[in-house]
Amino acid sequence: MKYYPGFRGFDLFDDFFDHDFDLVPSRCMKTDITEKDGNYHLDIEVPGIKKENIQLELKNGYLKITANRNTSNEEKDDNGKIIRQERMTGSYSRSFYVGDQIQQEDIKASFDNGELHVTISTKEHKEIENNTTIPIE
């Protein structure tokens, strides 16, 4: 695949420097959704992103997952002169409609080795409360 200057944020030198393209939007945050024992399980790939740079928010029946990445690659020659320095910044998000009856305490999240695991309980609810952010264990 050839990348052309300005096409989808890549430049002419991307092939030359052999980048890690994990943050290309079509490859980022791929999600597998399964249902088991009355719970939905979301397994979301977030390669190269740290746990502290991931945020989950439940609002108006939507679970929004946002991931941010800021990296800097610096290569120096034997004399300490910089021969290449690059910075990559990206923010990606996905939203899933989970329903108005789902509350914050019904959602559990954990992070392991570049994969975010979210479990959503689908039990019956008595009353809808204000929804807030969800911590990642």
C-alpha atoms as a PDB file:
ATOM      1  CA  MET A   1       0.000   0.000   0.000  1.00  0.00           C
ATOM      2  CA  LYS A   2       1.390   3.397  -0.968  1.00  0.00           C
ATOM      3  CA  TYR A   3       0.880   6.495   1.151  1.00  0.00           C
ATOM      4  CA  TYR A   4       0.673   9.827  -0.585  1.00  0.00           C
ATOM      5  CA  PRO A   5       1.550  13.232   0.861  1.00  0.00           C
ATOM      6  CA  GLY A   6      -1.321  14.489   2.997  1.00  0.00           C
ATOM      7  CA  PHE A   7      -3.441  11.362   2.496  1.00  0.00           C
ATOM      8  CA  ARG A   8      -5.089  10.440   5.833  1.00  0.00           C
ATOM      9  CA  GLY A   9      -2.394  12.230   7.805  1.00  0.00           C
ATOM     10  CA  PHE A  10       0.544  10.249   6.398  1.00  0.00           C
ATOM     11  CA  ASP A  11       3.422  11.798   4.540  1.00  0.00           C
ATOM     12  CA  LEU A  12       5.743  10.631   1.823  1.00  0.00           C
ATOM     13  CA  PHE A  13       8.329   9.298   4.293  1.00  0.00           C
ATOM     14  CA  ASP A  14       6.050   6.907   6.190  1.00  0.00           C
ATOM     15  CA  ASP A  15       7.105   3.892   4.111  1.00  0.00           C
ATOM     16  CA  PHE A  16      10.766   4.895   4.327  1.00  0.00           C
ATOM     17  CA  PHE A  17      10.841   4.992   8.127  1.00  0.00           C
ATOM     18  CA  ASP A  18       8.610   1.900   8.528  1.00  0.00           C
ATOM     19  CA  HIS A  19       6.240   3.317  11.150  1.00  0.00           C
ATOM     20  CA  ASP A  20       4.185   1.321  13.588  1.00  0.00           C
ATOM     21  CA  PHE A  21       0.708   2.028  12.173  1.00  0.00           C
ATOM     22  CA  ASP A  22      -1.228   0.830  15.245  1.00  0.00           C
ATOM     23  CA  LEU A  23      -2.884   4.227  15.571  1.00  0.00           C
ATOM     24  CA  VAL A  24      -4.435   4.304  12.114  1.00  0.00           C
ATOM     25  CA  PRO A  25      -8.143   4.857  12.940  1.00  0.00           C
ATOM     26  CA  SER A  26      -9.268   1.801  10.961  1.00  0.00           C
ATOM     27  CA  ARG A  27      -6.945  -0.353  13.098  1.00  0.00           C
ATOM     28  CA  CYS A  28      -7.481   1.316  16.467  1.00  0.00           C
ATOM     29  CA  MET A  29     -10.049   0.239  19.040  1.00  0.00           C
ATOM     30  CA  LYS A  30     -11.237  -2.907  17.290  1.00  0.00           C
ATOM     31  CA  THR A  31     -13.911  -4.403  19.502  1.00  0.00           C
ATOM     32  CA  ASP A  32     -15.257  -7.903  20.095  1.00  0.00           C
ATOM     33  CA  ILE A  33     -18.640  -8.022  21.829  1.00  0.00           C
ATOM     34  CA  THR A  34     -19.958 -11.210  23.405  1.00  0.00           C
ATOM     35  CA  GLU A  35     -22.862 -12.032  25.721  1.00  0.00           C
ATOM     36  CA  LYS A  36     -22.516 -14.547  28.535  1.00  0.00           C
ATOM     37  CA  ASP A  37     -24.486 -15.148  31.748  1.00  0.00           C
ATOM     38  CA  GLY A  38     -26.592 -12.004  31.327  1.00  0.00           C
ATOM     39  CA  ASN A  39     -23.576  -9.753  30.784  1.00  0.00           C
ATOM     40  CA  TYR A  40     -22.100  -8.115  27.721  1.00  0.00           C
ATOM     41  CA  HIS A  41     -18.327  -8.334  27.372  1.00  0.00           C
ATOM     42  CA  LEU A  42     -16.394  -5.852  25.229  1.00  0.00           C
ATOM     43  CA  ASP A  43     -12.766  -6.629  24.419  1.00  0.00           C
ATOM     44  CA  ILE A  44     -11.227  -3.523  22.877  1.00  0.00           C
ATOM     45  CA  GLU A  45      -7.749  -3.365  21.341  1.00  0.00           C
ATOM     46  CA  VAL A  46      -5.831  -0.225  22.339  1.00  0.00           C
ATOM     47  CA  PRO A  47      -2.216  -1.056  21.396  1.00  0.00           C
ATOM     48  CA  GLY A  48       0.503   1.280  22.631  1.00  0.00           C
ATOM     49  CA  ILE A  49      -1.869   3.251  24.864  1.00  0.00           C
ATOM     50  CA  LYS A  50      -1.408   3.393  28.622  1.00  0.00           C
ATOM     51  CA  LYS A  51      -4.219   2.714  31.084  1.00  0.00           C
ATOM     52  CA  GLU A  52      -4.121   6.272  32.428  1.00  0.00           C
ATOM     53  CA  ASN A  53      -4.803   7.602  28.905  1.00  0.00           C
ATOM     54  CA  ILE A  54      -8.121   5.752  28.568  1.00  0.00           C
ATOM     55  CA  GLN A  55     -11.407   7.187  29.783  1.00  0.00           C
ATOM     56  CA  LEU A  56     -14.868   5.611  29.969  1.00  0.00           C
ATOM     57  CA  GLU A  57     -17.953   7.742  30.343  1.00  0.00           C
ATOM     58  CA  LEU A  58     -21.615   6.781  30.579  1.00  0.00           C
ATOM     59  CA  LYS A  59     -24.038   9.483  29.512  1.00  0.00           C
ATOM     60  CA  ASN A  60     -27.603   9.390  28.145  1.00  0.00           C
ATOM     61  CA  GLY A  61     -27.457   5.632  27.574  1.00  0.00           C
ATOM     62  CA  TYR A  62     -24.165   5.748  25.640  1.00  0.00           C
ATOM     63  CA  LEU A  63     -20.872   4.307  26.814  1.00  0.00           C
ATOM     64  CA  LYS A  64     -18.098   6.442  25.332  1.00  0.00           C
ATOM     65  CA  ILE A  65     -14.531   5.147  25.378  1.00  0.00           C
ATOM     66  CA  THR A  66     -11.743   7.607  24.602  1.00  0.00           C
ATOM     67  CA  ALA A  67      -8.039   6.787  24.218  1.00  0.00           C
ATOM     68  CA  ASN A  68      -5.204   9.306  23.814  1.00  0.00           C
ATOM     69  CA  ARG A  69      -1.613   8.711  22.773  1.00  0.00           C
ATOM     70  CA  ASN A  70       1.359  11.046  22.720  1.00  0.00           C
ATOM     71  CA  THR A  71       4.717   9.576  21.735  1.00  0.00           C
ATOM     72  CA  SER A  72       8.067  10.874  20.672  1.00  0.00           C
ATOM     73  CA  ASN A  73      10.724   8.898  18.796  1.00  0.00           C
ATOM     74  CA  GLU A  74      14.237  10.235  18.783  1.00  0.00           C
ATOM     75  CA  GLU A  75      17.207   8.602  17.096  1.00  0.00           C
ATOM     76  CA  LYS A  76      20.772   9.857  17.475  1.00  0.00           C
ATOM     77  CA  ASP A  77      23.971   8.884  15.729  1.00  0.00           C
ATOM     78  CA  ASP A  78      27.205   7.906  17.534  1.00  0.00           C
ATOM     79  CA  ASN A  79      28.090  11.580  18.058  1.00  0.00           C
ATOM     80  CA  GLY A  80      24.767  12.389  19.698  1.00  0.00           C
ATOM     81  CA  LYS A  81      23.361  14.304  16.731  1.00  0.00           C
ATOM     82  CA  ILE A  82      19.689  13.780  16.108  1.00  0.00           C
ATOM     83  CA  ILE A  83      19.150  12.031  12.782  1.00  0.00           C
ATOM     84  CA  ARG A  84      15.401  11.588  13.191  1.00  0.00           C
ATOM     85  CA  GLN A  85      12.860  12.925  15.636  1.00  0.00           C
ATOM     86  CA  GLU A  86       9.133  12.355  15.323  1.00  0.00           C
ATOM     87  CA  ARG A  87       6.103  12.981  17.460  1.00  0.00           C
ATOM     88  CA  MET A  88       2.781  11.215  17.200  1.00  0.00           C
ATOM     89  CA  THR A  89      -0.398  12.433  18.825  1.00  0.00           C
ATOM     90  CA  GLY A  90      -3.783  10.856  18.491  1.00  0.00           C
ATOM     91  CA  SER A  91      -7.153  10.711  20.157  1.00  0.00           C
ATOM     92  CA  TYR A  92      -9.667   8.011  19.347  1.00  0.00           C
ATOM     93  CA  SER A  93     -13.107   7.265  20.661  1.00  0.00           C
ATOM     94  CA  ARG A  94     -15.915   4.773  20.263  1.00  0.00           C
ATOM     95  CA  SER A  95     -19.469   4.987  21.525  1.00  0.00           C
ATOM     96  CA  PHE A  96     -21.814   2.111  22.250  1.00  0.00           C
ATOM     97  CA  TYR A  97     -25.507   2.457  23.026  1.00  0.00           C
ATOM     98  CA  VAL A  98     -26.083   0.428  26.194  1.00  0.00           C
ATOM     99  CA  GLY A  99     -29.543   1.737  27.115  1.00  0.00           C
ATOM    100  CA  ASP A 100     -30.947   4.249  29.560  1.00  0.00           C
ATOM    101  CA  GLN A 101     -31.359   1.641  32.312  1.00  0.00           C
ATOM    102  CA  ILE A 102     -27.617   0.924  32.607  1.00  0.00           C
ATOM    103  CA  GLN A 103     -25.954   2.722  35.521  1.00  0.00           C
ATOM    104  CA  GLN A 104     -22.310   3.359  36.346  1.00  0.00           C
ATOM    105  CA  GLU A 105     -22.161   0.525  38.905  1.00  0.00           C
ATOM    106  CA  ASP A 106     -23.293  -1.925  36.194  1.00  0.00           C
ATOM    107  CA  ILE A 107     -20.092  -1.377  34.210  1.00  0.00           C
ATOM    108  CA  LYS A 108     -16.712  -2.817  35.200  1.00  0.00           C
ATOM    109  CA  ALA A 109     -13.516  -2.217  33.253  1.00  0.00           C
ATOM    110  CA  SER A 110     -10.007  -3.644  33.402  1.00  0.00           C
ATOM    111  CA  PHE A 111      -6.903  -3.171  31.291  1.00  0.00           C
ATOM    112  CA  ASP A 112      -4.319  -5.801  30.442  1.00  0.00           C
ATOM    113  CA  ASN A 113      -1.505  -5.830  27.882  1.00  0.00           C
ATOM    114  CA  GLY A 114      -3.017  -3.358  25.402  1.00  0.00           C
ATOM    115  CA  GLU A 115      -6.563  -4.641  25.701  1.00  0.00           C
ATOM    116  CA  LEU A 116      -9.440  -3.001  27.548  1.00  0.00           C
ATOM    117  CA  HIS A 117     -12.020  -5.424  28.976  1.00  0.00           C
ATOM    118  CA  VAL A 118     -15.461  -3.991  29.762  1.00  0.00           C
ATOM    119  CA  THR A 119     -18.292  -5.971  31.354  1.00  0.00           C
ATOM    120  CA  ILE A 120     -21.809  -4.564  31.323  1.00  0.00           C
ATOM    121  CA  SER A 121     -24.404  -6.162  33.581  1.00  0.00           C
ATOM    122  CA  THR A 122     -27.896  -6.314  32.089  1.00  0.00           C
ATOM    123  CA  LYS A 123     -29.810  -6.905  35.351  1.00  0.00           C
ATOM    124  CA  GLU A 124     -33.150  -5.185  36.064  1.00  0.00           C
ATOM    125  CA  HIS A 125     -32.987  -1.641  37.440  1.00  0.00           C
ATOM    126  CA  LYS A 126     -35.425   0.174  39.710  1.00  0.00           C
ATOM    127  CA  GLU A 127     -34.456   3.776  39.166  1.00  0.00           C
ATOM    128  CA  ILE A 128     -32.241   5.758  36.776  1.00  0.00           C
ATOM    129  CA  GLU A 129     -29.478   7.833  38.419  1.00  0.00           C
ATOM    130  CA  ASN A 130     -27.048  10.392  37.044  1.00  0.00           C
ATOM    131  CA  ASN A 131     -24.323   8.724  35.019  1.00  0.00           C
ATOM    132  CA  THR A 132     -20.648   9.628  35.492  1.00  0.00           C
ATOM    133  CA  THR A 133     -17.227   8.389  34.492  1.00  0.00           C
ATOM    134  CA  ILE A 134     -16.225   4.769  35.089  1.00  0.00           C
ATOM    135  CA  PRO A 135     -12.879   3.823  36.697  1.00  0.00           C
ATOM    136  CA  ILE A 136     -10.578   1.261  35.047  1.00  0.00           C
ATOM    137  CA  GLU A 137      -9.272  -1.378  37.461  1.00  0.00           C
END
